[in-house]
Amino acid sequence: MAGVNHWTRDQLLVAFTLYSQIPFGKLHSKNPDIIHYAELIGRTPGALAMKLVNLASLDPFIIESGRTGLKGASNTDRELWKEMRLDTETFDFECLRAMNKLDKPATTLHDSGPVDFSGRERTTIVKARVDQQLFRKNVLAAYEYRCCLTELEEPALLVASHIRPWADAVEHRLNPSNGLCLSSLHDKAFDRGLISFNEHLEMIVSPKLKKLTSDIAIENFAKYEGKQLRMPVSYPPDMSQLKYHRQNIFIGKI
């Protein structure tokens, strides 16, 4: 149709990158990140926000949570979502390439005009793997942005921990049920097998950690031994993956 301004592939890849990181409730035209990137790709903030909510209609996490995006997702949107699911490595590379093309040369000391030290708000979007960011976004949302063990509520200190490691099972990489929302400290301990969760979802501590007698070790680990993790509002942890973690990653003996 004449006059239709179709979305280019690179514009859509930027949109997918933004969708993987911006919470569902912030997909609106007044979001500073959406305003910033809309200008860079030559779209209005309203058009970009609408595209992001259209993408939400393709997200299994959004669908199964009972929410819905807009119904205007195009066939190209659906094909790109399929690409992401089938070949995450290539898709992530394509998204990174599209984001890199938006970069502008940094201002140098030789440029005319005063240097701006006003400290304006900077965009929070980072260049990272789209699939991993989407996994993080959905796991943290399921746990209402609180550590399921300590109740810590600071997003910068929360990690979407894979129960079964990323490299061990491709088919579970994006499944929020293969994730736990943990503080960065407990995520590291979980990843290294120093803590795990039993069949009752109670935290168990490795003998290696139990040997530590410092106040920090007691406060962060001994204090939570036997505590049952808080359940998410959706996508409860996969018990078979937790069993895999106990049997293959947890350090049960010294």
C-alpha atoms as a PDB file:
ATOM      1  CA  MET A   1       0.000   0.000   0.000  1.00  0.00           C
ATOM      2  CA  ALA A   2       1.372   3.389  -0.985  1.00  0.00           C
ATOM      3  CA  GLY A   3       2.538   5.531   1.863  1.00  0.00           C
ATOM      4  CA  VAL A   4       2.858   2.682   4.387  1.00  0.00           C
ATOM      5  CA  ASN A   5       6.052   3.061   6.394  1.00  0.00           C
ATOM      6  CA  HIS A   6       7.010  -0.567   6.911  1.00  0.00           C
ATOM      7  CA  TRP A   7       9.350  -1.490   9.730  1.00  0.00           C
ATOM      8  CA  THR A   8      12.832  -2.479   8.576  1.00  0.00           C
ATOM      9  CA  ARG A   9      14.519  -5.574   9.935  1.00  0.00           C
ATOM     10  CA  ASP A  10      17.028  -3.474  11.897  1.00  0.00           C
ATOM     11  CA  GLN A  11      14.240  -1.389  13.442  1.00  0.00           C
ATOM     12  CA  LEU A  12      12.504  -4.575  14.554  1.00  0.00           C
ATOM     13  CA  LEU A  13      15.728  -6.003  15.980  1.00  0.00           C
ATOM     14  CA  VAL A  14      16.148  -2.861  18.071  1.00  0.00           C
ATOM     15  CA  ALA A  15      12.532  -3.238  19.204  1.00  0.00           C
ATOM     16  CA  PHE A  16      13.170  -6.859  20.224  1.00  0.00           C
ATOM     17  CA  THR A  17      16.234  -5.751  22.181  1.00  0.00           C
ATOM     18  CA  LEU A  18      14.199  -3.147  24.053  1.00  0.00           C
ATOM     19  CA  TYR A  19      11.352  -5.590  24.680  1.00  0.00           C
ATOM     20  CA  SER A  20      13.760  -8.066  26.270  1.00  0.00           C
ATOM     21  CA  GLN A  21      14.719  -5.527  28.929  1.00  0.00           C
ATOM     22  CA  ILE A  22      11.805  -3.162  29.603  1.00  0.00           C
ATOM     23  CA  PRO A  23       9.170  -4.451  32.088  1.00  0.00           C
ATOM     24  CA  PHE A  24       5.680  -4.966  30.657  1.00  0.00           C
ATOM     25  CA  GLY A  25       4.234  -2.133  32.742  1.00  0.00           C
ATOM     26  CA  LYS A  26       6.710   0.382  31.287  1.00  0.00           C
ATOM     27  CA  LEU A  27       6.004  -0.218  27.608  1.00  0.00           C
ATOM     28  CA  HIS A  28       4.580   3.253  27.017  1.00  0.00           C
ATOM     29  CA  SER A  29       5.477   6.292  24.954  1.00  0.00           C
ATOM     30  CA  LYS A  30       6.657   8.370  27.938  1.00  0.00           C
ATOM     31  CA  ASN A  31       9.376   5.894  28.904  1.00  0.00           C
ATOM     32  CA  PRO A  32      12.734   7.734  28.420  1.00  0.00           C
ATOM     33  CA  ASP A  33      14.342   4.660  26.820  1.00  0.00           C
ATOM     34  CA  ILE A  34      11.519   4.335  24.309  1.00  0.00           C
ATOM     35  CA  ILE A  35      11.714   8.049  23.492  1.00  0.00           C
ATOM     36  CA  HIS A  36      15.495   7.809  23.053  1.00  0.00           C
ATOM     37  CA  TYR A  37      15.483   4.795  20.765  1.00  0.00           C
ATOM     38  CA  ALA A  38      12.434   5.930  18.807  1.00  0.00           C
ATOM     39  CA  GLU A  39      14.410   8.994  17.753  1.00  0.00           C
ATOM     40  CA  LEU A  40      17.434   6.880  16.799  1.00  0.00           C
ATOM     41  CA  ILE A  41      15.436   4.541  14.551  1.00  0.00           C
ATOM     42  CA  GLY A  42      13.236   7.257  13.032  1.00  0.00           C
ATOM     43  CA  ARG A  43       9.959   6.273  14.692  1.00  0.00           C
ATOM     44  CA  THR A  44       7.670   8.116  17.058  1.00  0.00           C
ATOM     45  CA  PRO A  45       7.663   7.044  20.727  1.00  0.00           C
ATOM     46  CA  GLY A  46       4.026   6.044  20.287  1.00  0.00           C
ATOM     47  CA  ALA A  47       4.810   3.811  17.309  1.00  0.00           C
ATOM     48  CA  LEU A  48       7.710   2.129  19.097  1.00  0.00           C
ATOM     49  CA  ALA A  49       5.677   1.622  22.276  1.00  0.00           C
ATOM     50  CA  MET A  50       2.863   0.085  20.215  1.00  0.00           C
ATOM     51  CA  LYS A  51       5.319  -2.265  18.516  1.00  0.00           C
ATOM     52  CA  LEU A  52       6.641  -3.398  21.904  1.00  0.00           C
ATOM     53  CA  VAL A  53       3.139  -4.141  23.187  1.00  0.00           C
ATOM     54  CA  ASN A  54       2.442  -6.022  19.951  1.00  0.00           C
ATOM     55  CA  LEU A  55       5.519  -8.144  20.670  1.00  0.00           C
ATOM     56  CA  ALA A  56       4.112  -8.843  24.147  1.00  0.00           C
ATOM     57  CA  SER A  57       1.204 -10.662  22.473  1.00  0.00           C
ATOM     58  CA  LEU A  58       3.746 -13.229  21.214  1.00  0.00           C
ATOM     59  CA  ASP A  59       5.458 -13.748  24.576  1.00  0.00           C
ATOM     60  CA  PRO A  60       4.396 -17.051  26.234  1.00  0.00           C
ATOM     61  CA  PHE A  61       5.181 -15.560  29.652  1.00  0.00           C
ATOM     62  CA  ILE A  62       2.724 -12.696  29.113  1.00  0.00           C
ATOM     63  CA  ILE A  63       0.074 -14.976  27.627  1.00  0.00           C
ATOM     64  CA  GLU A  64       0.240 -17.532  30.447  1.00  0.00           C
ATOM     65  CA  SER A  65       0.171 -14.814  33.099  1.00  0.00           C
ATOM     66  CA  GLY A  66      -3.279 -13.830  31.862  1.00  0.00           C
ATOM     67  CA  ARG A  67      -2.203 -10.508  30.399  1.00  0.00           C
ATOM     68  CA  THR A  68      -2.394  -9.619  26.734  1.00  0.00           C
ATOM     69  CA  GLY A  69      -0.543  -7.301  24.441  1.00  0.00           C
ATOM     70  CA  LEU A  70      -2.036  -5.615  21.422  1.00  0.00           C
ATOM     71  CA  LYS A  71      -3.238  -7.830  18.610  1.00  0.00           C
ATOM     72  CA  GLY A  72      -1.355  -6.055  15.832  1.00  0.00           C
ATOM     73  CA  ALA A  73       1.734  -8.259  15.660  1.00  0.00           C
ATOM     74  CA  SER A  74       2.745  -8.666  12.024  1.00  0.00           C
ATOM     75  CA  ASN A  75       3.847 -11.817  10.244  1.00  0.00           C
ATOM     76  CA  THR A  76       7.371 -10.395  10.279  1.00  0.00           C
ATOM     77  CA  ASP A  77       7.158  -9.976  14.079  1.00  0.00           C
ATOM     78  CA  ARG A  78       6.115 -13.624  14.386  1.00  0.00           C
ATOM     79  CA  GLU A  79       8.914 -14.784  12.109  1.00  0.00           C
ATOM     80  CA  LEU A  80      11.485 -12.871  14.134  1.00  0.00           C
ATOM     81  CA  TRP A  81      10.158 -14.361  17.382  1.00  0.00           C
ATOM     82  CA  LYS A  82      10.512 -17.779  15.790  1.00  0.00           C
ATOM     83  CA  GLU A  83      14.079 -16.939  14.745  1.00  0.00           C
ATOM     84  CA  MET A  84      14.913 -16.021  18.341  1.00  0.00           C
ATOM     85  CA  ARG A  85      13.573 -19.326  19.646  1.00  0.00           C
ATOM     86  CA  LEU A  86      15.246 -21.503  17.022  1.00  0.00           C
ATOM     87  CA  ASP A  87      18.693 -19.905  16.788  1.00  0.00           C
ATOM     88  CA  THR A  88      19.408 -17.650  19.749  1.00  0.00           C
ATOM     89  CA  GLU A  89      23.106 -17.252  18.958  1.00  0.00           C
ATOM     90  CA  THR A  90      22.510 -15.822  15.483  1.00  0.00           C
ATOM     91  CA  PHE A  91      19.554 -13.736  16.627  1.00  0.00           C
ATOM     92  CA  ASP A  92      21.546 -12.178  19.460  1.00  0.00           C
ATOM     93  CA  PHE A  93      24.346 -11.339  17.039  1.00  0.00           C
ATOM     94  CA  GLU A  94      21.867  -9.681  14.684  1.00  0.00           C
ATOM     95  CA  CYS A  95      20.358  -7.628  17.520  1.00  0.00           C
ATOM     96  CA  LEU A  96      23.791  -6.515  18.693  1.00  0.00           C
ATOM     97  CA  ARG A  97      24.691  -5.521  15.128  1.00  0.00           C
ATOM     98  CA  ALA A  98      21.516  -3.455  14.836  1.00  0.00           C
ATOM     99  CA  MET A  99      22.152  -1.750  18.176  1.00  0.00           C
ATOM    100  CA  ASN A 100      25.775  -0.994  17.274  1.00  0.00           C
ATOM    101  CA  LYS A 101      24.648   0.769  14.098  1.00  0.00           C
ATOM    102  CA  LEU A 102      22.796   3.284  16.266  1.00  0.00           C
ATOM    103  CA  ASP A 103      25.929   4.415  18.053  1.00  0.00           C
ATOM    104  CA  LYS A 104      27.034   7.985  17.415  1.00  0.00           C
ATOM    105  CA  PRO A 105      30.695   9.087  17.577  1.00  0.00           C
ATOM    106  CA  ALA A 106      31.588  10.418  20.991  1.00  0.00           C
ATOM    107  CA  THR A 107      32.245  14.140  21.335  1.00  0.00           C
ATOM    108  CA  THR A 108      35.961  14.933  21.463  1.00  0.00           C
ATOM    109  CA  LEU A 109      37.815  17.826  23.036  1.00  0.00           C
ATOM    110  CA  HIS A 110      38.436  19.238  19.574  1.00  0.00           C
ATOM    111  CA  ASP A 111      34.755  19.704  18.811  1.00  0.00           C
ATOM    112  CA  SER A 112      33.406  23.212  18.905  1.00  0.00           C
ATOM    113  CA  GLY A 113      31.003  24.213  21.630  1.00  0.00           C
ATOM    114  CA  PRO A 114      30.992  23.698  25.391  1.00  0.00           C
ATOM    115  CA  VAL A 115      31.203  20.248  26.952  1.00  0.00           C
ATOM    116  CA  ASP A 116      27.926  19.204  28.586  1.00  0.00           C
ATOM    117  CA  PHE A 117      28.426  18.186  32.219  1.00  0.00           C
ATOM    118  CA  SER A 118      24.782  18.567  33.192  1.00  0.00           C
ATOM    119  CA  GLY A 119      24.355  14.932  34.172  1.00  0.00           C
ATOM    120  CA  ARG A 120      21.181  14.308  32.224  1.00  0.00           C
ATOM    121  CA  GLU A 121      19.380  11.003  32.569  1.00  0.00           C
ATOM    122  CA  ARG A 122      21.107   8.303  30.538  1.00  0.00           C
ATOM    123  CA  THR A 123      19.430   5.378  28.839  1.00  0.00           C
ATOM    124  CA  THR A 124      19.414   2.188  30.887  1.00  0.00           C
ATOM    125  CA  ILE A 125      19.344  -0.225  27.974  1.00  0.00           C
ATOM    126  CA  VAL A 126      22.493  -2.327  27.761  1.00  0.00           C
ATOM    127  CA  LYS A 127      23.876  -4.334  24.890  1.00  0.00           C
ATOM    128  CA  ALA A 128      23.402  -7.900  26.060  1.00  0.00           C
ATOM    129  CA  ARG A 129      22.077 -11.193  24.797  1.00  0.00           C
ATOM    130  CA  VAL A 130      18.389 -10.780  24.022  1.00  0.00           C
ATOM    131  CA  ASP A 131      17.490 -14.300  25.121  1.00  0.00           C
ATOM    132  CA  GLN A 132      19.250 -13.947  28.466  1.00  0.00           C
ATOM    133  CA  GLN A 133      17.703 -10.537  29.071  1.00  0.00           C
ATOM    134  CA  LEU A 134      14.237 -11.866  28.225  1.00  0.00           C
ATOM    135  CA  PHE A 135      14.775 -14.761  30.645  1.00  0.00           C
ATOM    136  CA  ARG A 136      15.875 -12.327  33.374  1.00  0.00           C
ATOM    137  CA  LYS A 137      12.949 -10.009  32.747  1.00  0.00           C
ATOM    138  CA  ASN A 138      10.392 -12.823  33.022  1.00  0.00           C
ATOM    139  CA  VAL A 139      11.933 -14.535  36.043  1.00  0.00           C
ATOM    140  CA  LEU A 140      12.173 -11.293  38.015  1.00  0.00           C
ATOM    141  CA  ALA A 141       8.597 -10.404  37.092  1.00  0.00           C
ATOM    142  CA  ALA A 142       7.377 -13.852  38.227  1.00  0.00           C
ATOM    143  CA  TYR A 143       9.035 -13.290  41.611  1.00  0.00           C
ATOM    144  CA  GLU A 144       7.747  -9.703  41.791  1.00  0.00           C
ATOM    145  CA  TYR A 145      11.290  -8.322  41.756  1.00  0.00           C
ATOM    146  CA  ARG A 146      12.196  -9.792  45.144  1.00  0.00           C
ATOM    147  CA  CYS A 147      14.765 -12.425  46.031  1.00  0.00           C
ATOM    148  CA  CYS A 148      12.847 -15.636  46.701  1.00  0.00           C
ATOM    149  CA  LEU A 149      15.103 -16.361  49.676  1.00  0.00           C
ATOM    150  CA  THR A 150      16.032 -13.085  51.378  1.00  0.00           C
ATOM    151  CA  GLU A 151      13.215 -10.803  50.081  1.00  0.00           C
ATOM    152  CA  LEU A 152      15.809  -8.303  48.820  1.00  0.00           C
ATOM    153  CA  GLU A 153      14.002  -5.820  46.548  1.00  0.00           C
ATOM    154  CA  GLU A 154      16.806  -3.919  44.795  1.00  0.00           C
ATOM    155  CA  PRO A 155      16.689  -4.897  41.069  1.00  0.00           C
ATOM    156  CA  ALA A 156      20.365  -4.029  40.556  1.00  0.00           C
ATOM    157  CA  LEU A 157      21.267  -6.746  43.076  1.00  0.00           C
ATOM    158  CA  LEU A 158      18.891  -9.407  41.746  1.00  0.00           C
ATOM    159  CA  VAL A 159      19.825 -12.180  39.339  1.00  0.00           C
ATOM    160  CA  ALA A 160      17.708 -14.614  37.361  1.00  0.00           C
ATOM    161  CA  SER A 161      19.556 -17.792  38.289  1.00  0.00           C
ATOM    162  CA  HIS A 162      19.305 -20.740  35.938  1.00  0.00           C
ATOM    163  CA  ILE A 163      18.535 -23.882  37.939  1.00  0.00           C
ATOM    164  CA  ARG A 164      19.857 -26.109  35.188  1.00  0.00           C
ATOM    165  CA  PRO A 165      22.816 -24.239  33.689  1.00  0.00           C
ATOM    166  CA  TRP A 166      22.446 -22.339  30.412  1.00  0.00           C
ATOM    167  CA  ALA A 167      24.884 -24.632  28.623  1.00  0.00           C
ATOM    168  CA  ASP A 168      23.319 -27.899  29.817  1.00  0.00           C
ATOM    169  CA  ALA A 169      19.838 -27.761  28.287  1.00  0.00           C
ATOM    170  CA  VAL A 170      19.065 -25.525  25.330  1.00  0.00           C
ATOM    171  CA  GLU A 171      15.352 -26.322  25.488  1.00  0.00           C
ATOM    172  CA  HIS A 172      15.099 -24.873  29.023  1.00  0.00           C
ATOM    173  CA  ARG A 173      17.083 -21.688  28.451  1.00  0.00           C
ATOM    174  CA  LEU A 174      14.106 -19.336  28.182  1.00  0.00           C
ATOM    175  CA  ASN A 175      11.724 -21.213  30.491  1.00  0.00           C
ATOM    176  CA  PRO A 176      11.077 -19.103  33.632  1.00  0.00           C
ATOM    177  CA  SER A 177      10.383 -22.339  35.540  1.00  0.00           C
ATOM    178  CA  ASN A 178      14.091 -23.075  35.143  1.00  0.00           C
ATOM    179  CA  GLY A 179      14.895 -19.904  37.033  1.00  0.00           C
ATOM    180  CA  LEU A 180      15.007 -18.470  40.531  1.00  0.00           C
ATOM    181  CA  CYS A 181      15.200 -14.807  41.479  1.00  0.00           C
ATOM    182  CA  LEU A 182      18.137 -14.585  43.890  1.00  0.00           C
ATOM    183  CA  SER A 183      20.394 -11.894  45.281  1.00  0.00           C
ATOM    184  CA  SER A 184      23.717 -11.669  43.465  1.00  0.00           C
ATOM    185  CA  LEU A 185      25.491 -13.304  46.422  1.00  0.00           C
ATOM    186  CA  HIS A 186      23.106 -16.252  46.662  1.00  0.00           C
ATOM    187  CA  ASP A 187      23.061 -16.585  42.873  1.00  0.00           C
ATOM    188  CA  LYS A 188      26.839 -17.032  42.903  1.00  0.00           C
ATOM    189  CA  ALA A 189      26.595 -19.593  45.711  1.00  0.00           C
ATOM    190  CA  PHE A 190      23.810 -21.449  43.867  1.00  0.00           C
ATOM    191  CA  ASP A 191      25.775 -21.410  40.610  1.00  0.00           C
ATOM    192  CA  ARG A 192      28.865 -22.819  42.352  1.00  0.00           C
ATOM    193  CA  GLY A 193      26.885 -25.542  44.126  1.00  0.00           C
ATOM    194  CA  LEU A 194      27.388 -24.099  47.599  1.00  0.00           C
ATOM    195  CA  ILE A 195      23.645 -23.982  48.222  1.00  0.00           C
ATOM    196  CA  SER A 196      20.647 -25.745  46.715  1.00  0.00           C
ATOM    197  CA  PHE A 197      17.010 -26.516  47.530  1.00  0.00           C
ATOM    198  CA  ASN A 198      15.541 -29.848  48.588  1.00  0.00           C
ATOM    199  CA  GLU A 199      12.293 -31.492  47.487  1.00  0.00           C
ATOM    200  CA  HIS A 200      10.410 -29.239  49.934  1.00  0.00           C
ATOM    201  CA  LEU A 201      12.029 -26.146  48.412  1.00  0.00           C
ATOM    202  CA  GLU A 202      14.030 -25.568  51.594  1.00  0.00           C
ATOM    203  CA  MET A 203      17.567 -24.229  51.278  1.00  0.00           C
ATOM    204  CA  ILE A 204      20.367 -26.661  51.946  1.00  0.00           C
ATOM    205  CA  VAL A 205      23.933 -25.550  52.591  1.00  0.00           C
ATOM    206  CA  SER A 206      27.085 -27.261  51.409  1.00  0.00           C
ATOM    207  CA  PRO A 207      29.434 -28.634  54.108  1.00  0.00           C
ATOM    208  CA  LYS A 208      32.054 -26.396  52.512  1.00  0.00           C
ATOM    209  CA  LEU A 209      30.066 -23.326  53.541  1.00  0.00           C
ATOM    210  CA  LYS A 210      29.176 -24.774  56.937  1.00  0.00           C
ATOM    211  CA  LYS A 211      32.868 -24.798  57.827  1.00  0.00           C
ATOM    212  CA  LEU A 212      32.900 -20.998  57.704  1.00  0.00           C
ATOM    213  CA  THR A 213      32.407 -19.323  61.073  1.00  0.00           C
ATOM    214  CA  SER A 214      32.487 -15.630  60.175  1.00  0.00           C
ATOM    215  CA  ASP A 215      29.533 -13.426  61.012  1.00  0.00           C
ATOM    216  CA  ILE A 216      29.050 -12.760  57.273  1.00  0.00           C
ATOM    217  CA  ALA A 217      28.751 -16.485  56.507  1.00  0.00           C
ATOM    218  CA  ILE A 218      26.302 -16.985  59.356  1.00  0.00           C
ATOM    219  CA  GLU A 219      24.215 -13.951  58.396  1.00  0.00           C
ATOM    220  CA  ASN A 220      23.994 -14.823  54.706  1.00  0.00           C
ATOM    221  CA  PHE A 221      23.860 -18.630  54.692  1.00  0.00           C
ATOM    222  CA  ALA A 222      23.411 -20.367  58.061  1.00  0.00           C
ATOM    223  CA  LYS A 223      20.552 -17.984  58.804  1.00  0.00           C
ATOM    224  CA  TYR A 224      18.609 -19.218  55.769  1.00  0.00           C
ATOM    225  CA  GLU A 225      19.330 -22.941  56.011  1.00  0.00           C
ATOM    226  CA  GLY A 226      16.012 -24.794  56.016  1.00  0.00           C
ATOM    227  CA  LYS A 227      14.059 -21.740  54.887  1.00  0.00           C
ATOM    228  CA  GLN A 228      11.525 -22.472  52.173  1.00  0.00           C
ATOM    229  CA  LEU A 229      11.820 -20.271  49.127  1.00  0.00           C
ATOM    230  CA  ARG A 230       8.942 -17.947  48.343  1.00  0.00           C
ATOM    231  CA  MET A 231       6.859 -19.121  45.408  1.00  0.00           C
ATOM    232  CA  PRO A 232       6.460 -16.926  42.323  1.00  0.00           C
ATOM    233  CA  VAL A 233       3.118 -15.635  41.076  1.00  0.00           C
ATOM    234  CA  SER A 234       3.590 -17.780  37.970  1.00  0.00           C
ATOM    235  CA  TYR A 235       6.017 -20.367  36.627  1.00  0.00           C
ATOM    236  CA  PRO A 236       6.862 -22.271  39.853  1.00  0.00           C
ATOM    237  CA  PRO A 237      10.362 -23.776  39.892  1.00  0.00           C
ATOM    238  CA  ASP A 238      10.695 -27.025  37.968  1.00  0.00           C
ATOM    239  CA  MET A 239      11.274 -29.752  40.559  1.00  0.00           C
ATOM    240  CA  SER A 240      13.070 -31.974  38.050  1.00  0.00           C
ATOM    241  CA  GLN A 241      15.578 -29.194  37.360  1.00  0.00           C
ATOM    242  CA  LEU A 242      16.118 -28.655  41.090  1.00  0.00           C
ATOM    243  CA  LYS A 243      16.780 -32.382  41.443  1.00  0.00           C
ATOM    244  CA  TYR A 244      19.327 -32.103  38.626  1.00  0.00           C
ATOM    245  CA  HIS A 245      20.975 -29.231  40.480  1.00  0.00           C
ATOM    246  CA  ARG A 246      21.217 -31.225  43.724  1.00  0.00           C
ATOM    247  CA  GLN A 247      22.614 -34.273  41.978  1.00  0.00           C
ATOM    248  CA  ASN A 248      25.012 -32.630  39.553  1.00  0.00           C
ATOM    249  CA  ILE A 249      25.984 -29.193  40.868  1.00  0.00           C
ATOM    250  CA  PHE A 250      25.461 -29.077  44.631  1.00  0.00           C
ATOM    251  CA  ILE A 251      28.590 -29.882  46.631  1.00  0.00           C
ATOM    252  CA  GLY A 252      27.166 -32.305  49.151  1.00  0.00           C
ATOM    253  CA  LYS A 253      30.505 -33.607  50.348  1.00  0.00           C
ATOM    254  CA  ILE A 254      33.873 -32.040  51.085  1.00  0.00           C
END
